[in-house]
């Protein structure tokens, strides 16, 4: 049996997705990233300083600057680490899913991961300026990059008959934008129900629609 139809990871090609991420920081930086995560969740990203992180780690601020640089760089390193850790967990989260269910479950997993992460929870609750800056300056690039990675994977799934044939680039952008919107604001109904109602008619091959 073709791997693309047998396993969720075959449909999504998770190693390909990982290649599109910033590289995972070395494990030696974990104490600094753990401390930054504590400070970000406590104070917010914009209100955290290098001395805050230094106190949390128990080193001098010079050491923090030398090892990981600025707070902005710390935030980027932490994001890269958390995304790579999330990808490692994905096969278990998507176990036994096939075709449209894989994509629907993936979107749900990303939304749950983001909305329950302590740092992002703090940012969404208290740092409108950070969210606003992201929407204005970073969102277009994020949508373009993730959509670009997802497009060939969706095209392959369509060619294999796993999901309905559509314009793969438009579908990729739709999925990315849907995911971002659900991270920023939870739906009025249960997430799984919302995703099934919205995504199943779009993704399911005609023969599988009820």
C-alpha atoms as a PDB file:
ATOM      1  CA  UNK A   1       0.000   0.000   0.000  1.00  0.00           C
ATOM      2  CA  UNK A   2       1.260   3.492  -0.759  1.00  0.00           C
ATOM      3  CA  UNK A   3       2.539   5.248   2.367  1.00  0.00           C
ATOM      4  CA  UNK A   4       0.655   8.433   1.489  1.00  0.00           C
ATOM      5  CA  UNK A   5      -2.636   6.619   1.922  1.00  0.00           C
ATOM      6  CA  UNK A   6      -1.631   4.527   4.885  1.00  0.00           C
ATOM      7  CA  UNK A   7      -0.269   6.911   7.462  1.00  0.00           C
ATOM      8  CA  UNK A   8      -1.118  10.477   8.466  1.00  0.00           C
ATOM      9  CA  UNK A   9       2.568  11.323   8.369  1.00  0.00           C
ATOM     10  CA  UNK A  10       2.649  10.090   4.773  1.00  0.00           C
ATOM     11  CA  UNK A  11      -0.063  12.564   3.802  1.00  0.00           C
ATOM     12  CA  UNK A  12       1.523  15.453   5.648  1.00  0.00           C
ATOM     13  CA  UNK A  13       5.229  14.616   5.209  1.00  0.00           C
ATOM     14  CA  UNK A  14       6.151  16.065   8.588  1.00  0.00           C
ATOM     15  CA  UNK A  15       9.900  16.139   7.841  1.00  0.00           C
ATOM     16  CA  UNK A  16       9.117  18.482   4.950  1.00  0.00           C
ATOM     17  CA  UNK A  17       7.169  20.737   7.301  1.00  0.00           C
ATOM     18  CA  UNK A  18      10.085  20.712   9.755  1.00  0.00           C
ATOM     19  CA  UNK A  19      12.431  21.840   6.989  1.00  0.00           C
ATOM     20  CA  UNK A  20      10.323  24.957   6.600  1.00  0.00           C
ATOM     21  CA  UNK A  21      10.821  25.959  10.222  1.00  0.00           C
ATOM     22  CA  UNK A  22      13.745  27.855  11.709  1.00  0.00           C
ATOM     23  CA  UNK A  23      16.304  25.334  13.000  1.00  0.00           C
ATOM     24  CA  UNK A  24      15.729  23.980  16.490  1.00  0.00           C
ATOM     25  CA  UNK A  25      18.083  25.663  18.975  1.00  0.00           C
ATOM     26  CA  UNK A  26      20.695  23.454  20.646  1.00  0.00           C
ATOM     27  CA  UNK A  27      19.647  21.718  23.862  1.00  0.00           C
ATOM     28  CA  UNK A  28      22.365  23.620  25.735  1.00  0.00           C
ATOM     29  CA  UNK A  29      20.176  26.721  25.461  1.00  0.00           C
ATOM     30  CA  UNK A  30      17.180  25.046  27.139  1.00  0.00           C
ATOM     31  CA  UNK A  31      17.808  26.626  30.577  1.00  0.00           C
ATOM     32  CA  UNK A  32      17.678  30.086  29.002  1.00  0.00           C
ATOM     33  CA  UNK A  33      14.623  29.271  26.918  1.00  0.00           C
ATOM     34  CA  UNK A  34      12.853  27.710  29.902  1.00  0.00           C
ATOM     35  CA  UNK A  35      13.556  30.843  31.911  1.00  0.00           C
ATOM     36  CA  UNK A  36      12.368  33.056  29.077  1.00  0.00           C
ATOM     37  CA  UNK A  37       9.131  31.062  28.845  1.00  0.00           C
ATOM     38  CA  UNK A  38       8.527  31.581  32.573  1.00  0.00           C
ATOM     39  CA  UNK A  39       9.188  35.313  32.270  1.00  0.00           C
ATOM     40  CA  UNK A  40       7.087  35.714  29.128  1.00  0.00           C
ATOM     41  CA  UNK A  41       4.160  33.913  30.760  1.00  0.00           C
ATOM     42  CA  UNK A  42       4.550  36.042  33.889  1.00  0.00           C
ATOM     43  CA  UNK A  43       5.251  39.508  32.440  1.00  0.00           C
ATOM     44  CA  UNK A  44       4.474  39.243  28.747  1.00  0.00           C
ATOM     45  CA  UNK A  45       6.984  39.288  25.900  1.00  0.00           C
ATOM     46  CA  UNK A  46       7.128  43.064  25.552  1.00  0.00           C
ATOM     47  CA  UNK A  47       7.610  43.597  29.285  1.00  0.00           C
ATOM     48  CA  UNK A  48      10.304  40.992  29.845  1.00  0.00           C
ATOM     49  CA  UNK A  49      13.909  42.161  30.069  1.00  0.00           C
ATOM     50  CA  UNK A  50      17.226  40.354  29.828  1.00  0.00           C
ATOM     51  CA  UNK A  51      17.828  40.951  33.570  1.00  0.00           C
ATOM     52  CA  UNK A  52      14.483  39.199  34.260  1.00  0.00           C
ATOM     53  CA  UNK A  53      15.684  36.159  32.362  1.00  0.00           C
ATOM     54  CA  UNK A  54      19.100  36.306  34.006  1.00  0.00           C
ATOM     55  CA  UNK A  55      17.531  36.274  37.471  1.00  0.00           C
ATOM     56  CA  UNK A  56      15.322  33.335  36.511  1.00  0.00           C
ATOM     57  CA  UNK A  57      18.311  31.339  35.252  1.00  0.00           C
ATOM     58  CA  UNK A  58      20.609  32.470  38.057  1.00  0.00           C
ATOM     59  CA  UNK A  59      23.328  33.955  35.861  1.00  0.00           C
ATOM     60  CA  UNK A  60      24.491  37.421  34.931  1.00  0.00           C
ATOM     61  CA  UNK A  61      22.740  39.382  32.217  1.00  0.00           C
ATOM     62  CA  UNK A  62      26.062  39.439  30.343  1.00  0.00           C
ATOM     63  CA  UNK A  63      25.900  35.649  30.181  1.00  0.00           C
ATOM     64  CA  UNK A  64      22.367  35.796  28.809  1.00  0.00           C
ATOM     65  CA  UNK A  65      23.374  38.313  26.156  1.00  0.00           C
ATOM     66  CA  UNK A  66      26.375  36.190  25.206  1.00  0.00           C
ATOM     67  CA  UNK A  67      24.428  32.925  25.010  1.00  0.00           C
ATOM     68  CA  UNK A  68      21.115  33.987  23.471  1.00  0.00           C
ATOM     69  CA  UNK A  69      21.187  37.695  22.703  1.00  0.00           C
ATOM     70  CA  UNK A  70      18.214  40.018  23.047  1.00  0.00           C
ATOM     71  CA  UNK A  71      14.719  39.323  24.334  1.00  0.00           C
ATOM     72  CA  UNK A  72      13.457  39.382  20.746  1.00  0.00           C
ATOM     73  CA  UNK A  73      16.003  36.740  19.777  1.00  0.00           C
ATOM     74  CA  UNK A  74      15.062  34.711  22.842  1.00  0.00           C
ATOM     75  CA  UNK A  75      11.428  34.813  21.772  1.00  0.00           C
ATOM     76  CA  UNK A  76      12.318  33.596  18.290  1.00  0.00           C
ATOM     77  CA  UNK A  77      14.478  30.761  19.658  1.00  0.00           C
ATOM     78  CA  UNK A  78      11.721  29.730  22.052  1.00  0.00           C
ATOM     79  CA  UNK A  79       9.159  29.708  19.241  1.00  0.00           C
ATOM     80  CA  UNK A  80      11.423  27.543  17.074  1.00  0.00           C
ATOM     81  CA  UNK A  81      11.979  25.073  19.911  1.00  0.00           C
ATOM     82  CA  UNK A  82       8.288  24.810  20.753  1.00  0.00           C
ATOM     83  CA  UNK A  83       7.303  24.283  17.115  1.00  0.00           C
ATOM     84  CA  UNK A  84       9.837  21.492  16.667  1.00  0.00           C
ATOM     85  CA  UNK A  85       8.656  19.833  19.881  1.00  0.00           C
ATOM     86  CA  UNK A  86       5.087  20.089  18.632  1.00  0.00           C
ATOM     87  CA  UNK A  87       5.993  18.407  15.343  1.00  0.00           C
ATOM     88  CA  UNK A  88       7.537  15.516  17.264  1.00  0.00           C
ATOM     89  CA  UNK A  89       4.187  15.012  19.037  1.00  0.00           C
ATOM     90  CA  UNK A  90       2.083  15.247  15.882  1.00  0.00           C
ATOM     91  CA  UNK A  91       2.230  11.618  14.708  1.00  0.00           C
ATOM     92  CA  UNK A  92       0.679  10.524  17.995  1.00  0.00           C
ATOM     93  CA  UNK A  93      -1.983  13.220  17.783  1.00  0.00           C
ATOM     94  CA  UNK A  94      -2.875  12.181  14.228  1.00  0.00           C
ATOM     95  CA  UNK A  95      -2.760   8.437  14.783  1.00  0.00           C
ATOM     96  CA  UNK A  96      -5.327   6.505  12.693  1.00  0.00           C
ATOM     97  CA  UNK A  97      -6.466   9.646  10.837  1.00  0.00           C
ATOM     98  CA  UNK A  98      -6.606   9.478   7.027  1.00  0.00           C
ATOM     99  CA  UNK A  99      -7.469  11.847   4.196  1.00  0.00           C
ATOM    100  CA  UNK A 100      -9.533  14.888   5.229  1.00  0.00           C
ATOM    101  CA  UNK A 101      -9.542  13.757   8.861  1.00  0.00           C
ATOM    102  CA  UNK A 102      -5.757  14.141   8.975  1.00  0.00           C
ATOM    103  CA  UNK A 103      -5.905  17.766   7.895  1.00  0.00           C
ATOM    104  CA  UNK A 104      -8.878  18.586  10.130  1.00  0.00           C
ATOM    105  CA  UNK A 105      -7.181  16.986  13.127  1.00  0.00           C
ATOM    106  CA  UNK A 106      -3.935  18.791  12.304  1.00  0.00           C
ATOM    107  CA  UNK A 107      -5.652  22.185  12.277  1.00  0.00           C
ATOM    108  CA  UNK A 108      -7.318  21.346  15.586  1.00  0.00           C
ATOM    109  CA  UNK A 109      -4.017  20.235  17.107  1.00  0.00           C
ATOM    110  CA  UNK A 110      -2.274  23.451  16.050  1.00  0.00           C
ATOM    111  CA  UNK A 111      -5.072  25.612  17.449  1.00  0.00           C
ATOM    112  CA  UNK A 112      -5.139  23.735  20.762  1.00  0.00           C
ATOM    113  CA  UNK A 113      -1.357  23.844  21.068  1.00  0.00           C
ATOM    114  CA  UNK A 114      -1.291  27.594  20.476  1.00  0.00           C
ATOM    115  CA  UNK A 115      -4.264  28.500  22.649  1.00  0.00           C
ATOM    116  CA  UNK A 116      -3.028  26.469  25.633  1.00  0.00           C
ATOM    117  CA  UNK A 117       0.621  27.520  25.473  1.00  0.00           C
ATOM    118  CA  UNK A 118       1.296  29.710  28.536  1.00  0.00           C
ATOM    119  CA  UNK A 119       3.259  32.323  26.605  1.00  0.00           C
ATOM    120  CA  UNK A 120       0.720  32.769  23.826  1.00  0.00           C
ATOM    121  CA  UNK A 121      -2.109  32.733  26.354  1.00  0.00           C
ATOM    122  CA  UNK A 122      -0.444  35.689  28.088  1.00  0.00           C
ATOM    123  CA  UNK A 123       0.160  37.516  24.814  1.00  0.00           C
ATOM    124  CA  UNK A 124      -3.415  37.092  23.602  1.00  0.00           C
ATOM    125  CA  UNK A 125      -4.829  38.187  26.961  1.00  0.00           C
ATOM    126  CA  UNK A 126      -2.606  41.159  27.782  1.00  0.00           C
ATOM    127  CA  UNK A 127      -0.442  42.264  24.867  1.00  0.00           C
ATOM    128  CA  UNK A 128      -2.603  43.792  22.186  1.00  0.00           C
ATOM    129  CA  UNK A 129       0.421  45.649  20.852  1.00  0.00           C
ATOM    130  CA  UNK A 130       2.286  42.394  20.180  1.00  0.00           C
ATOM    131  CA  UNK A 131      -0.734  40.836  18.462  1.00  0.00           C
ATOM    132  CA  UNK A 132      -1.280  44.001  16.430  1.00  0.00           C
ATOM    133  CA  UNK A 133       2.340  44.113  15.305  1.00  0.00           C
ATOM    134  CA  UNK A 134       2.123  40.463  14.276  1.00  0.00           C
ATOM    135  CA  UNK A 135      -1.029  41.050  12.237  1.00  0.00           C
ATOM    136  CA  UNK A 136       0.422  44.103  10.512  1.00  0.00           C
ATOM    137  CA  UNK A 137       3.979  42.999   9.870  1.00  0.00           C
ATOM    138  CA  UNK A 138       4.435  39.244  10.264  1.00  0.00           C
ATOM    139  CA  UNK A 139       1.145  37.622   9.239  1.00  0.00           C
ATOM    140  CA  UNK A 140       1.496  38.092   5.447  1.00  0.00           C
ATOM    141  CA  UNK A 141       4.925  36.445   5.459  1.00  0.00           C
ATOM    142  CA  UNK A 142       3.703  33.629   7.737  1.00  0.00           C
ATOM    143  CA  UNK A 143       0.726  32.923   5.477  1.00  0.00           C
ATOM    144  CA  UNK A 144       2.927  32.935   2.379  1.00  0.00           C
ATOM    145  CA  UNK A 145       5.626  30.669   3.846  1.00  0.00           C
ATOM    146  CA  UNK A 146       3.319  28.083   5.414  1.00  0.00           C
ATOM    147  CA  UNK A 147       1.002  28.077   2.403  1.00  0.00           C
ATOM    148  CA  UNK A 148       4.011  27.546   0.150  1.00  0.00           C
ATOM    149  CA  UNK A 149       5.097  24.515   2.181  1.00  0.00           C
ATOM    150  CA  UNK A 150       1.576  23.068   2.326  1.00  0.00           C
ATOM    151  CA  UNK A 151       0.662  23.547  -1.341  1.00  0.00           C
ATOM    152  CA  UNK A 152       2.687  20.659  -2.836  1.00  0.00           C
ATOM    153  CA  UNK A 153       1.601  18.337  -0.015  1.00  0.00           C
ATOM    154  CA  UNK A 154      -2.050  19.137  -0.670  1.00  0.00           C
ATOM    155  CA  UNK A 155      -1.505  18.718  -4.408  1.00  0.00           C
ATOM    156  CA  UNK A 156      -0.059  15.255  -3.804  1.00  0.00           C
ATOM    157  CA  UNK A 157      -3.007  14.346  -1.562  1.00  0.00           C
ATOM    158  CA  UNK A 158      -5.389  15.462  -4.307  1.00  0.00           C
ATOM    159  CA  UNK A 159      -3.538  13.429  -6.915  1.00  0.00           C
ATOM    160  CA  UNK A 160      -3.829  10.372  -4.654  1.00  0.00           C
ATOM    161  CA  UNK A 161      -7.584  10.906  -4.262  1.00  0.00           C
ATOM    162  CA  UNK A 162      -7.280  11.501  -0.497  1.00  0.00           C
ATOM    163  CA  UNK A 163      -8.914  14.926  -0.635  1.00  0.00           C
ATOM    164  CA  UNK A 164     -11.102  16.736  -3.150  1.00  0.00           C
ATOM    165  CA  UNK A 165      -9.385  18.289  -6.152  1.00  0.00           C
ATOM    166  CA  UNK A 166      -9.197  22.070  -5.745  1.00  0.00           C
ATOM    167  CA  UNK A 167      -6.650  24.790  -6.375  1.00  0.00           C
ATOM    168  CA  UNK A 168      -3.971  23.634  -3.908  1.00  0.00           C
ATOM    169  CA  UNK A 169      -2.479  27.091  -3.387  1.00  0.00           C
ATOM    170  CA  UNK A 170      -5.841  28.631  -2.552  1.00  0.00           C
ATOM    171  CA  UNK A 171      -6.728  25.710  -0.294  1.00  0.00           C
ATOM    172  CA  UNK A 172      -3.389  26.004   1.521  1.00  0.00           C
ATOM    173  CA  UNK A 173      -3.922  29.715   2.119  1.00  0.00           C
ATOM    174  CA  UNK A 174      -7.482  29.086   3.294  1.00  0.00           C
ATOM    175  CA  UNK A 175      -6.295  26.481   5.811  1.00  0.00           C
ATOM    176  CA  UNK A 176      -3.523  28.719   7.134  1.00  0.00           C
ATOM    177  CA  UNK A 177      -5.801  31.728   7.486  1.00  0.00           C
ATOM    178  CA  UNK A 178      -8.471  29.604   9.172  1.00  0.00           C
ATOM    179  CA  UNK A 179      -5.930  28.262  11.640  1.00  0.00           C
ATOM    180  CA  UNK A 180      -4.599  31.718  12.499  1.00  0.00           C
ATOM    181  CA  UNK A 181      -8.099  33.127  13.014  1.00  0.00           C
ATOM    182  CA  UNK A 182      -8.998  30.278  15.378  1.00  0.00           C
ATOM    183  CA  UNK A 183      -5.805  30.811  17.355  1.00  0.00           C
ATOM    184  CA  UNK A 184      -6.636  34.482  17.771  1.00  0.00           C
ATOM    185  CA  UNK A 185     -10.306  33.906  18.660  1.00  0.00           C
ATOM    186  CA  UNK A 186     -11.942  30.636  19.693  1.00  0.00           C
ATOM    187  CA  UNK A 187     -15.136  29.637  17.850  1.00  0.00           C
ATOM    188  CA  UNK A 188     -18.522  29.921  19.542  1.00  0.00           C
ATOM    189  CA  UNK A 189     -18.989  26.125  19.437  1.00  0.00           C
ATOM    190  CA  UNK A 190     -16.662  23.229  20.231  1.00  0.00           C
ATOM    191  CA  UNK A 191     -13.546  23.379  18.058  1.00  0.00           C
ATOM    192  CA  UNK A 192     -13.945  19.875  16.600  1.00  0.00           C
ATOM    193  CA  UNK A 193     -17.537  20.554  15.617  1.00  0.00           C
ATOM    194  CA  UNK A 194     -16.576  23.862  14.032  1.00  0.00           C
ATOM    195  CA  UNK A 195     -13.756  22.299  12.014  1.00  0.00           C
ATOM    196  CA  UNK A 196     -15.915  19.403  10.836  1.00  0.00           C
ATOM    197  CA  UNK A 197     -18.647  21.773   9.660  1.00  0.00           C
ATOM    198  CA  UNK A 198     -16.248  24.128   7.890  1.00  0.00           C
ATOM    199  CA  UNK A 199     -13.507  21.874   6.538  1.00  0.00           C
ATOM    200  CA  UNK A 200     -15.108  18.503   5.796  1.00  0.00           C
ATOM    201  CA  UNK A 201     -17.219  19.793   2.845  1.00  0.00           C
ATOM    202  CA  UNK A 202     -14.111  21.470   1.419  1.00  0.00           C
ATOM    203  CA  UNK A 203     -11.703  18.553   1.825  1.00  0.00           C
ATOM    204  CA  UNK A 204     -13.723  15.357   1.444  1.00  0.00           C
ATOM    205  CA  UNK A 205     -13.788  13.711  -1.988  1.00  0.00           C
ATOM    206  CA  UNK A 206     -17.278  13.734  -3.464  1.00  0.00           C
ATOM    207  CA  UNK A 207     -17.655   9.978  -2.971  1.00  0.00           C
ATOM    208  CA  UNK A 208     -17.163  10.361   0.791  1.00  0.00           C
ATOM    209  CA  UNK A 209     -19.551  13.230   1.428  1.00  0.00           C
ATOM    210  CA  UNK A 210     -22.802  12.384   3.140  1.00  0.00           C
END
